[in-house]
C-alpha cells in the first residue's frame, strides 16, 4: 500500500460504546467513549485510540480524571484501527494518538505531512512485556513459526501489522504463508472457525482466546525476536503523540496533557492491578478477565536512552527497507523535546 493510498482512504466513521454526542450549539457529531471529558472554555485536545491493551495509561488517565484535574477538555475518539487514527489526525479530526497506535502508522503520517507528529510516550514490548504474539487454534499441531509454512495467517488491519506479519513469517521460516488482513476483533473467531491457521495479533486478543479455550500462543514477543534480533529488545510498536500544531497553538496545555498522561503511565507501572480495570469498556476484555492481560512497558519522551532510540530506529528502518516509507525517517526528529 502506498502512502497516497493510505491517506486517501480516510475513515468515514467510527464506533463507540456510548454512541454519538452533540458537541456544543453547532451540533457537530463527535465520537463518544467511556468517561468523555467535556467542559466549556477549557483547552480542548481530541485524542484517538485503538481498542487494545497498550492504551491502558490513556484509559486510566481519562477514567481517573487526570486530564480534567489539569484543566483540560479531552475528547476521546475510538477507531477501528491504528491507520484510521493517524488518518484522522491528518484530516484535523484528532490532535493526537494514544498508546497502542502503530508507530509506523504515525511515521507514514509524518512522511505525508512532515513535522505533524511528536511522540511523547511509547509502549515497548518484548517476550517479557507482551503485546505482540502469534496465535494458533488450540488444537493446532504447530510448535514453531516454521510450521505455518504455506498456511493462511491473519494479521491486524493496516500497513504496520501486515508488514510485520509478513516479516516474522519470512524470518521464522514460514515461507509461502498467505497473510490475511482482519479486524482485530475477528482474530479469535477466525482461528476457532478454521478460516485461518495462525494469526499475528496484539493483546488482549491472546488472552481472550486462551481463556475461552479456542486459541493458544505459538510465540510471544515476535517482533523483538524476528525484527530486532533479540527477544528482550524493546519494540516501540505503538506510541502516544500530539500534533505539532496543537503544541504550537497552546504549549502550556500540551505540557499539562503530557504530565497528566504521565500520571496514567505511573499508575500502570506502580499499581498495575488497579490500572487493569480500566481495560473494561475500552477493549474487548471485561470484568475479572482484565486481571489476565499481560501489559506492555511504557517509555516517556524524557526516558529514552541512546539504545532505545537505536532499537526504535531499527524498527523504522525495516519499513524503509521494505519500501513502505517513501524516504528514511529519523526517530529522534519525531520525539517530543519538552
C-alpha atoms as a PDB file:
ATOM      1  CA  UNK A   1       0.000   0.000   0.000  1.00  0.00           C
ATOM      2  CA  UNK A   2       1.396   3.418  -0.926  1.00  0.00           C
ATOM      3  CA  UNK A   3       1.323   6.440   1.341  1.00  0.00           C
ATOM      4  CA  UNK A   4      -1.063   8.184  -1.033  1.00  0.00           C
ATOM      5  CA  UNK A   5      -3.418   5.208  -0.922  1.00  0.00           C
ATOM      6  CA  UNK A   6      -3.204   5.134   2.856  1.00  0.00           C
ATOM      7  CA  UNK A   7      -4.051   8.810   3.213  1.00  0.00           C
ATOM      8  CA  UNK A   8      -6.807   8.750   0.595  1.00  0.00           C
ATOM      9  CA  UNK A   9      -8.728   6.085   2.492  1.00  0.00           C
ATOM     10  CA  UNK A  10      -9.801   8.474   5.246  1.00  0.00           C
ATOM     11  CA  UNK A  11     -12.151   6.931   7.731  1.00  0.00           C
ATOM     12  CA  UNK A  12     -15.797   7.679   7.073  1.00  0.00           C
ATOM     13  CA  UNK A  13     -16.975   6.829  10.573  1.00  0.00           C
ATOM     14  CA  UNK A  14     -16.104   5.008  13.785  1.00  0.00           C
ATOM     15  CA  UNK A  15     -17.811   3.137  16.579  1.00  0.00           C
ATOM     16  CA  UNK A  16     -18.120   3.825  20.281  1.00  0.00           C
ATOM     17  CA  UNK A  17     -19.776   2.168  23.221  1.00  0.00           C
ATOM     18  CA  UNK A  18     -21.614   5.322  24.171  1.00  0.00           C
ATOM     19  CA  UNK A  19     -22.664   6.407  20.709  1.00  0.00           C
ATOM     20  CA  UNK A  20     -22.710   9.866  19.208  1.00  0.00           C
ATOM     21  CA  UNK A  21     -22.898  13.006  21.289  1.00  0.00           C
ATOM     22  CA  UNK A  22     -23.729  16.558  20.280  1.00  0.00           C
ATOM     23  CA  UNK A  23     -20.765  18.906  20.550  1.00  0.00           C
ATOM     24  CA  UNK A  24     -21.963  22.398  21.514  1.00  0.00           C
ATOM     25  CA  UNK A  25     -24.503  24.600  19.819  1.00  0.00           C
ATOM     26  CA  UNK A  26     -23.098  23.832  16.389  1.00  0.00           C
ATOM     27  CA  UNK A  27     -24.490  20.320  16.740  1.00  0.00           C
ATOM     28  CA  UNK A  28     -21.332  18.706  15.369  1.00  0.00           C
ATOM     29  CA  UNK A  29     -21.358  14.929  15.988  1.00  0.00           C
ATOM     30  CA  UNK A  30     -18.280  13.579  17.722  1.00  0.00           C
ATOM     31  CA  UNK A  31     -17.381  10.141  18.938  1.00  0.00           C
ATOM     32  CA  UNK A  32     -18.370   9.096  22.423  1.00  0.00           C
ATOM     33  CA  UNK A  33     -16.189   7.000  24.717  1.00  0.00           C
ATOM     34  CA  UNK A  34     -16.040   5.967  28.378  1.00  0.00           C
ATOM     35  CA  UNK A  35     -15.959   8.975  30.709  1.00  0.00           C
ATOM     36  CA  UNK A  36     -15.886  11.535  27.910  1.00  0.00           C
ATOM     37  CA  UNK A  37     -14.412  14.656  29.479  1.00  0.00           C
ATOM     38  CA  UNK A  38     -16.053  17.874  28.316  1.00  0.00           C
ATOM     39  CA  UNK A  39     -16.018  21.380  29.738  1.00  0.00           C
ATOM     40  CA  UNK A  40     -16.807  24.778  28.280  1.00  0.00           C
ATOM     41  CA  UNK A  41     -13.913  27.210  27.974  1.00  0.00           C
ATOM     42  CA  UNK A  42     -11.089  24.751  28.759  1.00  0.00           C
ATOM     43  CA  UNK A  43      -8.266  23.978  26.327  1.00  0.00           C
ATOM     44  CA  UNK A  44      -9.533  21.129  24.149  1.00  0.00           C
ATOM     45  CA  UNK A  45      -7.484  18.181  22.923  1.00  0.00           C
ATOM     46  CA  UNK A  46      -9.022  15.476  20.712  1.00  0.00           C
ATOM     47  CA  UNK A  47      -7.386  12.072  21.170  1.00  0.00           C
ATOM     48  CA  UNK A  48      -7.847   8.973  19.041  1.00  0.00           C
ATOM     49  CA  UNK A  49      -7.277   5.436  20.273  1.00  0.00           C
ATOM     50  CA  UNK A  50      -7.384   1.867  19.002  1.00  0.00           C
ATOM     51  CA  UNK A  51      -9.013  -0.595  21.465  1.00  0.00           C
ATOM     52  CA  UNK A  52      -6.005  -2.684  22.502  1.00  0.00           C
ATOM     53  CA  UNK A  53      -4.363  -3.218  25.885  1.00  0.00           C
ATOM     54  CA  UNK A  54      -1.408  -0.907  25.190  1.00  0.00           C
ATOM     55  CA  UNK A  55      -3.644   2.158  25.539  1.00  0.00           C
ATOM     56  CA  UNK A  56      -4.101   1.483  29.264  1.00  0.00           C
ATOM     57  CA  UNK A  57      -2.340   4.642  30.598  1.00  0.00           C
ATOM     58  CA  UNK A  58      -4.669   6.778  28.498  1.00  0.00           C
ATOM     59  CA  UNK A  59      -7.779   4.874  29.578  1.00  0.00           C
ATOM     60  CA  UNK A  60      -6.772   5.232  33.239  1.00  0.00           C
ATOM     61  CA  UNK A  61      -5.983   8.942  32.897  1.00  0.00           C
ATOM     62  CA  UNK A  62      -9.424   9.574  31.394  1.00  0.00           C
ATOM     63  CA  UNK A  63     -11.340   7.483  33.925  1.00  0.00           C
ATOM     64  CA  UNK A  64      -9.499   8.860  36.957  1.00  0.00           C
ATOM     65  CA  UNK A  65      -9.958  12.468  35.846  1.00  0.00           C
ATOM     66  CA  UNK A  66      -6.274  13.308  35.467  1.00  0.00           C
ATOM     67  CA  UNK A  67      -6.932  15.465  32.397  1.00  0.00           C
ATOM     68  CA  UNK A  68      -9.887  17.219  33.958  1.00  0.00           C
ATOM     69  CA  UNK A  69      -7.817  17.950  37.074  1.00  0.00           C
ATOM     70  CA  UNK A  70      -5.196  19.524  34.806  1.00  0.00           C
ATOM     71  CA  UNK A  71      -7.832  21.900  33.454  1.00  0.00           C
ATOM     72  CA  UNK A  72      -8.218  20.227  30.075  1.00  0.00           C
ATOM     73  CA  UNK A  73     -11.192  19.241  27.932  1.00  0.00           C
ATOM     74  CA  UNK A  74     -10.210  15.893  26.377  1.00  0.00           C
ATOM     75  CA  UNK A  75     -12.425  14.481  23.653  1.00  0.00           C
ATOM     76  CA  UNK A  76     -11.946  10.710  23.342  1.00  0.00           C
ATOM     77  CA  UNK A  77     -12.375   9.108  19.910  1.00  0.00           C
ATOM     78  CA  UNK A  78     -12.348   5.379  19.237  1.00  0.00           C
ATOM     79  CA  UNK A  79     -11.267   3.987  15.854  1.00  0.00           C
ATOM     80  CA  UNK A  80     -11.266   0.547  14.262  1.00  0.00           C
ATOM     81  CA  UNK A  81      -7.537   0.551  13.531  1.00  0.00           C
ATOM     82  CA  UNK A  82      -4.276   2.399  14.079  1.00  0.00           C
ATOM     83  CA  UNK A  83      -4.174   3.620  10.495  1.00  0.00           C
ATOM     84  CA  UNK A  84      -7.568   5.271  10.898  1.00  0.00           C
ATOM     85  CA  UNK A  85      -6.360   7.171  13.957  1.00  0.00           C
ATOM     86  CA  UNK A  86      -3.402   8.535  12.031  1.00  0.00           C
ATOM     87  CA  UNK A  87      -5.636   9.483   9.107  1.00  0.00           C
ATOM     88  CA  UNK A  88      -7.991  11.303  11.490  1.00  0.00           C
ATOM     89  CA  UNK A  89      -5.063  13.368  12.758  1.00  0.00           C
ATOM     90  CA  UNK A  90      -4.038  14.288   9.218  1.00  0.00           C
ATOM     91  CA  UNK A  91      -7.646  15.256   8.466  1.00  0.00           C
ATOM     92  CA  UNK A  92      -7.687  17.504  11.566  1.00  0.00           C
ATOM     93  CA  UNK A  93     -10.300  15.407  13.328  1.00  0.00           C
ATOM     94  CA  UNK A  94      -7.812  14.478  16.068  1.00  0.00           C
ATOM     95  CA  UNK A  95      -4.960  16.244  17.847  1.00  0.00           C
ATOM     96  CA  UNK A  96      -3.083  13.115  18.858  1.00  0.00           C
ATOM     97  CA  UNK A  97      -2.842   9.364  19.265  1.00  0.00           C
ATOM     98  CA  UNK A  98      -2.983   7.255  22.412  1.00  0.00           C
ATOM     99  CA  UNK A  99      -0.538   4.443  23.123  1.00  0.00           C
ATOM    100  CA  UNK A 100      -1.157   1.375  21.017  1.00  0.00           C
ATOM    101  CA  UNK A 101      -1.485   3.315  17.777  1.00  0.00           C
ATOM    102  CA  UNK A 102       1.200   1.899  15.489  1.00  0.00           C
ATOM    103  CA  UNK A 103       4.441   3.880  15.442  1.00  0.00           C
ATOM    104  CA  UNK A 104       4.920   3.043  11.766  1.00  0.00           C
ATOM    105  CA  UNK A 105       1.411   4.315  11.019  1.00  0.00           C
ATOM    106  CA  UNK A 106       2.337   7.572  12.732  1.00  0.00           C
ATOM    107  CA  UNK A 107       5.572   7.658  10.736  1.00  0.00           C
ATOM    108  CA  UNK A 108       3.637   7.298   7.458  1.00  0.00           C
ATOM    109  CA  UNK A 109       1.584  10.309   8.515  1.00  0.00           C
ATOM    110  CA  UNK A 110       4.784  12.195   9.320  1.00  0.00           C
ATOM    111  CA  UNK A 111       6.200  11.448   5.881  1.00  0.00           C
ATOM    112  CA  UNK A 112       2.948  12.563   4.240  1.00  0.00           C
ATOM    113  CA  UNK A 113       2.898  15.808   6.220  1.00  0.00           C
ATOM    114  CA  UNK A 114       6.413  16.463   7.623  1.00  0.00           C
ATOM    115  CA  UNK A 115       6.500  17.977  11.086  1.00  0.00           C
ATOM    116  CA  UNK A 116       2.966  16.871  12.002  1.00  0.00           C
ATOM    117  CA  UNK A 117       3.597  14.364  14.822  1.00  0.00           C
ATOM    118  CA  UNK A 118       5.562  14.488  18.074  1.00  0.00           C
ATOM    119  CA  UNK A 119       5.848  11.246  20.069  1.00  0.00           C
ATOM    120  CA  UNK A 120       5.807  11.790  23.832  1.00  0.00           C
ATOM    121  CA  UNK A 121       5.310   8.216  25.061  1.00  0.00           C
ATOM    122  CA  UNK A 122       5.874   4.806  23.509  1.00  0.00           C
ATOM    123  CA  UNK A 123       4.948   1.307  24.631  1.00  0.00           C
ATOM    124  CA  UNK A 124       7.893  -1.078  24.219  1.00  0.00           C
ATOM    125  CA  UNK A 125       7.128  -4.775  24.307  1.00  0.00           C
ATOM    126  CA  UNK A 126       9.142  -7.985  24.092  1.00  0.00           C
ATOM    127  CA  UNK A 127       8.950 -11.580  25.289  1.00  0.00           C
ATOM    128  CA  UNK A 128       8.594 -10.321  28.890  1.00  0.00           C
ATOM    129  CA  UNK A 129       6.330  -7.290  28.433  1.00  0.00           C
ATOM    130  CA  UNK A 130       3.972  -8.936  25.984  1.00  0.00           C
ATOM    131  CA  UNK A 131       1.878  -7.095  23.424  1.00  0.00           C
ATOM    132  CA  UNK A 132       2.569  -8.886  20.130  1.00  0.00           C
ATOM    133  CA  UNK A 133       2.141 -12.614  19.558  1.00  0.00           C
ATOM    134  CA  UNK A 134       1.441 -15.320  17.029  1.00  0.00           C
ATOM    135  CA  UNK A 135      -1.672 -17.347  17.845  1.00  0.00           C
ATOM    136  CA  UNK A 136      -2.866 -20.693  16.520  1.00  0.00           C
ATOM    137  CA  UNK A 137      -6.063 -22.684  17.150  1.00  0.00           C
ATOM    138  CA  UNK A 138      -5.967 -24.603  20.432  1.00  0.00           C
ATOM    139  CA  UNK A 139      -5.885 -27.939  18.574  1.00  0.00           C
ATOM    140  CA  UNK A 140      -3.177 -26.879  16.098  1.00  0.00           C
ATOM    141  CA  UNK A 141      -0.155 -29.156  15.784  1.00  0.00           C
ATOM    142  CA  UNK A 142       2.121 -26.181  15.084  1.00  0.00           C
ATOM    143  CA  UNK A 143       5.018 -25.922  17.506  1.00  0.00           C
ATOM    144  CA  UNK A 144       7.279 -23.303  15.888  1.00  0.00           C
ATOM    145  CA  UNK A 145       6.811 -20.458  13.421  1.00  0.00           C
ATOM    146  CA  UNK A 146       8.091 -22.547  10.521  1.00  0.00           C
ATOM    147  CA  UNK A 147       5.124 -24.892  10.970  1.00  0.00           C
ATOM    148  CA  UNK A 148       2.954 -22.155   9.436  1.00  0.00           C
ATOM    149  CA  UNK A 149       4.718 -22.653   6.100  1.00  0.00           C
ATOM    150  CA  UNK A 150       2.188 -22.380   3.278  1.00  0.00           C
ATOM    151  CA  UNK A 151      -0.673 -21.603   5.715  1.00  0.00           C
ATOM    152  CA  UNK A 152      -3.225 -18.789   5.867  1.00  0.00           C
ATOM    153  CA  UNK A 153      -2.197 -16.382   8.607  1.00  0.00           C
ATOM    154  CA  UNK A 154      -4.259 -13.434   9.837  1.00  0.00           C
ATOM    155  CA  UNK A 155      -2.942 -10.041  10.893  1.00  0.00           C
ATOM    156  CA  UNK A 156      -4.373  -6.852  12.290  1.00  0.00           C
ATOM    157  CA  UNK A 157      -5.530  -4.091   9.949  1.00  0.00           C
ATOM    158  CA  UNK A 158      -3.175  -1.542   8.440  1.00  0.00           C
ATOM    159  CA  UNK A 159       0.205  -1.437   6.784  1.00  0.00           C
ATOM    160  CA  UNK A 160       2.210  -1.797  10.024  1.00  0.00           C
ATOM    161  CA  UNK A 161       0.511  -5.035  11.048  1.00  0.00           C
ATOM    162  CA  UNK A 162       0.592  -6.594   7.587  1.00  0.00           C
ATOM    163  CA  UNK A 163       4.261  -5.722   7.026  1.00  0.00           C
ATOM    164  CA  UNK A 164       5.253  -7.118  10.415  1.00  0.00           C
ATOM    165  CA  UNK A 165       3.228 -10.303   9.926  1.00  0.00           C
ATOM    166  CA  UNK A 166       4.930 -10.973   6.589  1.00  0.00           C
ATOM    167  CA  UNK A 167       8.356 -10.224   8.058  1.00  0.00           C
ATOM    168  CA  UNK A 168       8.111 -12.520  11.081  1.00  0.00           C
ATOM    169  CA  UNK A 169       6.730 -15.359   8.950  1.00  0.00           C
ATOM    170  CA  UNK A 170       9.541 -14.949   6.436  1.00  0.00           C
ATOM    171  CA  UNK A 171      12.263 -14.729   9.077  1.00  0.00           C
ATOM    172  CA  UNK A 172      10.707 -17.516  11.125  1.00  0.00           C
ATOM    173  CA  UNK A 173      10.888 -19.937   8.201  1.00  0.00           C
ATOM    174  CA  UNK A 174       7.176 -19.941   7.334  1.00  0.00           C
ATOM    175  CA  UNK A 175       7.740 -19.487   3.621  1.00  0.00           C
ATOM    176  CA  UNK A 176       4.742 -19.415   1.320  1.00  0.00           C
ATOM    177  CA  UNK A 177       2.326 -18.297   4.026  1.00  0.00           C
ATOM    178  CA  UNK A 178      -0.541 -16.050   2.912  1.00  0.00           C
ATOM    179  CA  UNK A 179      -1.295 -13.042   5.139  1.00  0.00           C
ATOM    180  CA  UNK A 180      -4.985 -12.177   5.529  1.00  0.00           C
ATOM    181  CA  UNK A 181      -5.809  -8.735   6.929  1.00  0.00           C
ATOM    182  CA  UNK A 182      -8.611  -8.878   9.525  1.00  0.00           C
ATOM    183  CA  UNK A 183     -10.125  -6.528  12.134  1.00  0.00           C
ATOM    184  CA  UNK A 184      -8.573  -7.417  15.478  1.00  0.00           C
ATOM    185  CA  UNK A 185     -11.981  -8.299  16.940  1.00  0.00           C
ATOM    186  CA  UNK A 186     -12.284 -11.154  14.418  1.00  0.00           C
ATOM    187  CA  UNK A 187      -8.961 -12.846  15.150  1.00  0.00           C
ATOM    188  CA  UNK A 188     -10.098 -15.346  17.775  1.00  0.00           C
ATOM    189  CA  UNK A 189     -13.317 -16.246  15.956  1.00  0.00           C
ATOM    190  CA  UNK A 190     -11.486 -16.722  12.647  1.00  0.00           C
ATOM    191  CA  UNK A 191      -8.954 -19.053  14.265  1.00  0.00           C
ATOM    192  CA  UNK A 192     -11.680 -21.017  16.074  1.00  0.00           C
ATOM    193  CA  UNK A 193     -13.662 -21.395  12.841  1.00  0.00           C
ATOM    194  CA  UNK A 194     -10.638 -22.675  10.935  1.00  0.00           C
ATOM    195  CA  UNK A 195     -10.698 -19.771   8.488  1.00  0.00           C
ATOM    196  CA  UNK A 196      -7.020 -19.080   9.246  1.00  0.00           C
ATOM    197  CA  UNK A 197      -4.259 -21.309  10.600  1.00  0.00           C
ATOM    198  CA  UNK A 198      -2.435 -18.688  12.630  1.00  0.00           C
ATOM    199  CA  UNK A 199      -2.664 -15.012  13.466  1.00  0.00           C
ATOM    200  CA  UNK A 200      -0.236 -12.213  14.246  1.00  0.00           C
ATOM    201  CA  UNK A 201      -2.125 -10.133  16.785  1.00  0.00           C
ATOM    202  CA  UNK A 202      -1.912  -7.884  19.835  1.00  0.00           C
ATOM    203  CA  UNK A 203      -3.146  -8.202  23.377  1.00  0.00           C
ATOM    204  CA  UNK A 204      -5.799  -8.617  24.726  1.00  0.00           C
ATOM    205  CA  UNK A 205      -6.603 -10.962  21.800  1.00  0.00           C
ATOM    206  CA  UNK A 206      -4.330 -13.752  23.016  1.00  0.00           C
ATOM    207  CA  UNK A 207      -5.821 -13.601  26.494  1.00  0.00           C
ATOM    208  CA  UNK A 208      -9.372 -13.756  25.147  1.00  0.00           C
ATOM    209  CA  UNK A 209      -8.608 -16.812  23.027  1.00  0.00           C
ATOM    210  CA  UNK A 210      -6.728 -18.581  25.805  1.00  0.00           C
ATOM    211  CA  UNK A 211      -9.436 -18.019  28.380  1.00  0.00           C
ATOM    212  CA  UNK A 212     -12.240 -19.258  26.140  1.00  0.00           C
ATOM    213  CA  UNK A 213     -10.157 -22.265  25.138  1.00  0.00           C
ATOM    214  CA  UNK A 214     -10.160 -21.599  21.406  1.00  0.00           C
ATOM    215  CA  UNK A 215      -6.572 -20.458  20.785  1.00  0.00           C
ATOM    216  CA  UNK A 216      -3.081 -20.699  22.206  1.00  0.00           C
ATOM    217  CA  UNK A 217       0.065 -18.619  21.882  1.00  0.00           C
ATOM    218  CA  UNK A 218       2.556 -20.147  19.475  1.00  0.00           C
ATOM    219  CA  UNK A 219       5.115 -17.470  20.267  1.00  0.00           C
ATOM    220  CA  UNK A 220       5.095 -14.106  22.084  1.00  0.00           C
ATOM    221  CA  UNK A 221       7.380 -11.114  21.610  1.00  0.00           C
ATOM    222  CA  UNK A 222       7.786 -11.978  17.945  1.00  0.00           C
ATOM    223  CA  UNK A 223       8.814  -8.512  16.751  1.00  0.00           C
ATOM    224  CA  UNK A 224      11.669  -8.222  19.249  1.00  0.00           C
ATOM    225  CA  UNK A 225      12.922 -11.644  18.174  1.00  0.00           C
ATOM    226  CA  UNK A 226      12.482 -11.588  14.421  1.00  0.00           C
ATOM    227  CA  UNK A 227      12.790  -7.879  13.594  1.00  0.00           C
ATOM    228  CA  UNK A 228      15.115  -6.522  16.289  1.00  0.00           C
ATOM    229  CA  UNK A 229      17.126  -9.711  16.698  1.00  0.00           C
ATOM    230  CA  UNK A 230      16.779 -10.062  20.489  1.00  0.00           C
ATOM    231  CA  UNK A 231      13.666 -11.411  22.316  1.00  0.00           C
ATOM    232  CA  UNK A 232      14.316  -8.935  25.145  1.00  0.00           C
ATOM    233  CA  UNK A 233      14.854  -5.878  22.915  1.00  0.00           C
ATOM    234  CA  UNK A 234      12.287  -3.082  23.307  1.00  0.00           C
ATOM    235  CA  UNK A 235       9.940  -2.969  20.331  1.00  0.00           C
ATOM    236  CA  UNK A 236       8.424   0.509  20.265  1.00  0.00           C
ATOM    237  CA  UNK A 237       5.484  -0.644  18.186  1.00  0.00           C
ATOM    238  CA  UNK A 238       2.911   1.838  19.443  1.00  0.00           C
ATOM    239  CA  UNK A 239       3.141   5.442  20.537  1.00  0.00           C
ATOM    240  CA  UNK A 240       1.231   8.319  22.047  1.00  0.00           C
ATOM    241  CA  UNK A 241       1.678  11.540  20.148  1.00  0.00           C
ATOM    242  CA  UNK A 242       0.419  15.094  19.798  1.00  0.00           C
ATOM    243  CA  UNK A 243       0.440  17.186  16.662  1.00  0.00           C
ATOM    244  CA  UNK A 244       2.988  19.938  16.304  1.00  0.00           C
ATOM    245  CA  UNK A 245       0.037  22.227  15.568  1.00  0.00           C
ATOM    246  CA  UNK A 246      -1.623  21.713  18.967  1.00  0.00           C
ATOM    247  CA  UNK A 247       1.745  22.013  20.736  1.00  0.00           C
ATOM    248  CA  UNK A 248       2.458  25.288  18.959  1.00  0.00           C
ATOM    249  CA  UNK A 249      -1.076  26.612  19.457  1.00  0.00           C
ATOM    250  CA  UNK A 250      -1.093  26.017  23.225  1.00  0.00           C
ATOM    251  CA  UNK A 251       2.248  24.743  24.549  1.00  0.00           C
ATOM    252  CA  UNK A 252       1.116  25.013  28.180  1.00  0.00           C
ATOM    253  CA  UNK A 253      -1.967  22.878  27.524  1.00  0.00           C
ATOM    254  CA  UNK A 254       0.235  20.353  25.726  1.00  0.00           C
ATOM    255  CA  UNK A 255       2.598  20.184  28.701  1.00  0.00           C
ATOM    256  CA  UNK A 256      -0.325  19.724  31.081  1.00  0.00           C
ATOM    257  CA  UNK A 257      -1.752  16.984  28.897  1.00  0.00           C
ATOM    258  CA  UNK A 258       1.545  15.095  28.730  1.00  0.00           C
ATOM    259  CA  UNK A 259       2.037  15.435  32.502  1.00  0.00           C
ATOM    260  CA  UNK A 260      -1.473  14.080  33.149  1.00  0.00           C
ATOM    261  CA  UNK A 261      -0.836  11.260  30.686  1.00  0.00           C
ATOM    262  CA  UNK A 262       2.354  10.534  32.614  1.00  0.00           C
ATOM    263  CA  UNK A 263       0.244  10.048  35.733  1.00  0.00           C
ATOM    264  CA  UNK A 264      -1.530   7.256  33.864  1.00  0.00           C
ATOM    265  CA  UNK A 265       1.830   5.704  32.996  1.00  0.00           C
ATOM    266  CA  UNK A 266       2.906   5.925  36.631  1.00  0.00           C
ATOM    267  CA  UNK A 267      -0.275   4.191  37.766  1.00  0.00           C
ATOM    268  CA  UNK A 268       0.252   1.306  35.322  1.00  0.00           C
ATOM    269  CA  UNK A 269       3.855   0.924  36.470  1.00  0.00           C
ATOM    270  CA  UNK A 270       3.251   1.139  40.205  1.00  0.00           C
ATOM    271  CA  UNK A 271      -0.283  -0.227  40.575  1.00  0.00           C
ATOM    272  CA  UNK A 272      -0.915  -2.454  37.563  1.00  0.00           C
ATOM    273  CA  UNK A 273      -3.722  -4.386  39.250  1.00  0.00           C
ATOM    274  CA  UNK A 274      -5.563  -1.151  39.979  1.00  0.00           C
ATOM    275  CA  UNK A 275      -4.997   0.121  36.443  1.00  0.00           C
ATOM    276  CA  UNK A 276      -6.121  -3.081  34.698  1.00  0.00           C
ATOM    277  CA  UNK A 277      -9.795  -2.474  35.464  1.00  0.00           C
ATOM    278  CA  UNK A 278      -9.760   0.425  33.002  1.00  0.00           C
ATOM    279  CA  UNK A 279      -9.355  -2.024  30.125  1.00  0.00           C
ATOM    280  CA  UNK A 280     -13.097  -2.575  30.516  1.00  0.00           C
ATOM    281  CA  UNK A 281     -15.096  -0.552  28.041  1.00  0.00           C
ATOM    282  CA  UNK A 282     -12.013   0.378  26.025  1.00  0.00           C
ATOM    283  CA  UNK A 283     -11.082  -3.155  24.903  1.00  0.00           C
ATOM    284  CA  UNK A 284     -12.906  -6.474  24.471  1.00  0.00           C
ATOM    285  CA  UNK A 285     -11.823  -7.575  27.966  1.00  0.00           C
ATOM    286  CA  UNK A 286     -14.441  -7.291  30.706  1.00  0.00           C
ATOM    287  CA  UNK A 287     -14.703  -7.840  34.476  1.00  0.00           C
ATOM    288  CA  UNK A 288     -12.290 -10.217  36.243  1.00  0.00           C
ATOM    289  CA  UNK A 289     -10.685 -11.128  32.926  1.00  0.00           C
ATOM    290  CA  UNK A 290      -8.862  -7.780  32.947  1.00  0.00           C
ATOM    291  CA  UNK A 291      -6.502  -9.290  35.527  1.00  0.00           C
ATOM    292  CA  UNK A 292      -5.254 -11.844  33.000  1.00  0.00           C
ATOM    293  CA  UNK A 293      -3.938  -9.493  30.314  1.00  0.00           C
ATOM    294  CA  UNK A 294      -0.135  -9.084  30.062  1.00  0.00           C
ATOM    295  CA  UNK A 295       0.969  -5.461  29.985  1.00  0.00           C
ATOM    296  CA  UNK A 296       3.422  -3.637  27.756  1.00  0.00           C
ATOM    297  CA  UNK A 297       6.016  -1.315  29.269  1.00  0.00           C
ATOM    298  CA  UNK A 298       5.977   2.469  28.756  1.00  0.00           C
ATOM    299  CA  UNK A 299       8.723   4.973  27.991  1.00  0.00           C
ATOM    300  CA  UNK A 300       8.087   8.702  28.310  1.00  0.00           C
ATOM    301  CA  UNK A 301       9.932  11.113  25.993  1.00  0.00           C
ATOM    302  CA  UNK A 302      12.379  12.117  28.747  1.00  0.00           C
ATOM    303  CA  UNK A 303      13.271   8.471  29.490  1.00  0.00           C
ATOM    304  CA  UNK A 304      14.550   7.341  26.085  1.00  0.00           C
ATOM    305  CA  UNK A 305      18.135   6.108  26.176  1.00  0.00           C
ATOM    306  CA  UNK A 306      20.513   6.039  23.230  1.00  0.00           C
ATOM    307  CA  UNK A 307      19.973   2.271  22.992  1.00  0.00           C
ATOM    308  CA  UNK A 308      16.180   2.762  22.994  1.00  0.00           C
ATOM    309  CA  UNK A 309      16.392   5.211  20.104  1.00  0.00           C
ATOM    310  CA  UNK A 310      18.655   2.798  18.192  1.00  0.00           C
ATOM    311  CA  UNK A 311      16.121  -0.046  18.526  1.00  0.00           C
ATOM    312  CA  UNK A 312      13.285   2.324  17.611  1.00  0.00           C
ATOM    313  CA  UNK A 313      15.264   3.386  14.539  1.00  0.00           C
ATOM    314  CA  UNK A 314      15.889  -0.243  13.555  1.00  0.00           C
ATOM    315  CA  UNK A 315      12.127  -0.770  13.578  1.00  0.00           C
ATOM    316  CA  UNK A 316      11.576   2.251  11.323  1.00  0.00           C
ATOM    317  CA  UNK A 317      14.403   1.142   9.032  1.00  0.00           C
ATOM    318  CA  UNK A 318      12.500  -2.093   8.301  1.00  0.00           C
ATOM    319  CA  UNK A 319       9.704  -0.076   6.709  1.00  0.00           C
ATOM    320  CA  UNK A 320      12.160   1.991   4.702  1.00  0.00           C
ATOM    321  CA  UNK A 321      13.884  -1.201   3.509  1.00  0.00           C
ATOM    322  CA  UNK A 322      10.518  -2.723   2.527  1.00  0.00           C
ATOM    323  CA  UNK A 323       9.588   0.383   0.544  1.00  0.00           C
ATOM    324  CA  UNK A 324       6.649   1.231   2.836  1.00  0.00           C
ATOM    325  CA  UNK A 325       8.304   4.525   3.786  1.00  0.00           C
ATOM    326  CA  UNK A 326       8.990   6.624   0.704  1.00  0.00           C
ATOM    327  CA  UNK A 327      12.020   8.085   2.478  1.00  0.00           C
ATOM    328  CA  UNK A 328      14.130   7.221   5.537  1.00  0.00           C
ATOM    329  CA  UNK A 329      12.814   8.763   8.755  1.00  0.00           C
ATOM    330  CA  UNK A 330      14.786   9.627  11.885  1.00  0.00           C
ATOM    331  CA  UNK A 331      13.075   8.685  15.144  1.00  0.00           C
ATOM    332  CA  UNK A 332      14.873  11.354  17.131  1.00  0.00           C
ATOM    333  CA  UNK A 333      13.333  14.095  14.987  1.00  0.00           C
ATOM    334  CA  UNK A 334       9.847  12.849  15.910  1.00  0.00           C
ATOM    335  CA  UNK A 335      10.363  12.732  19.676  1.00  0.00           C
ATOM    336  CA  UNK A 336       8.788  15.473  21.777  1.00  0.00           C
ATOM    337  CA  UNK A 337      11.502  17.532  23.463  1.00  0.00           C
ATOM    338  CA  UNK A 338       9.517  19.129  26.246  1.00  0.00           C
END
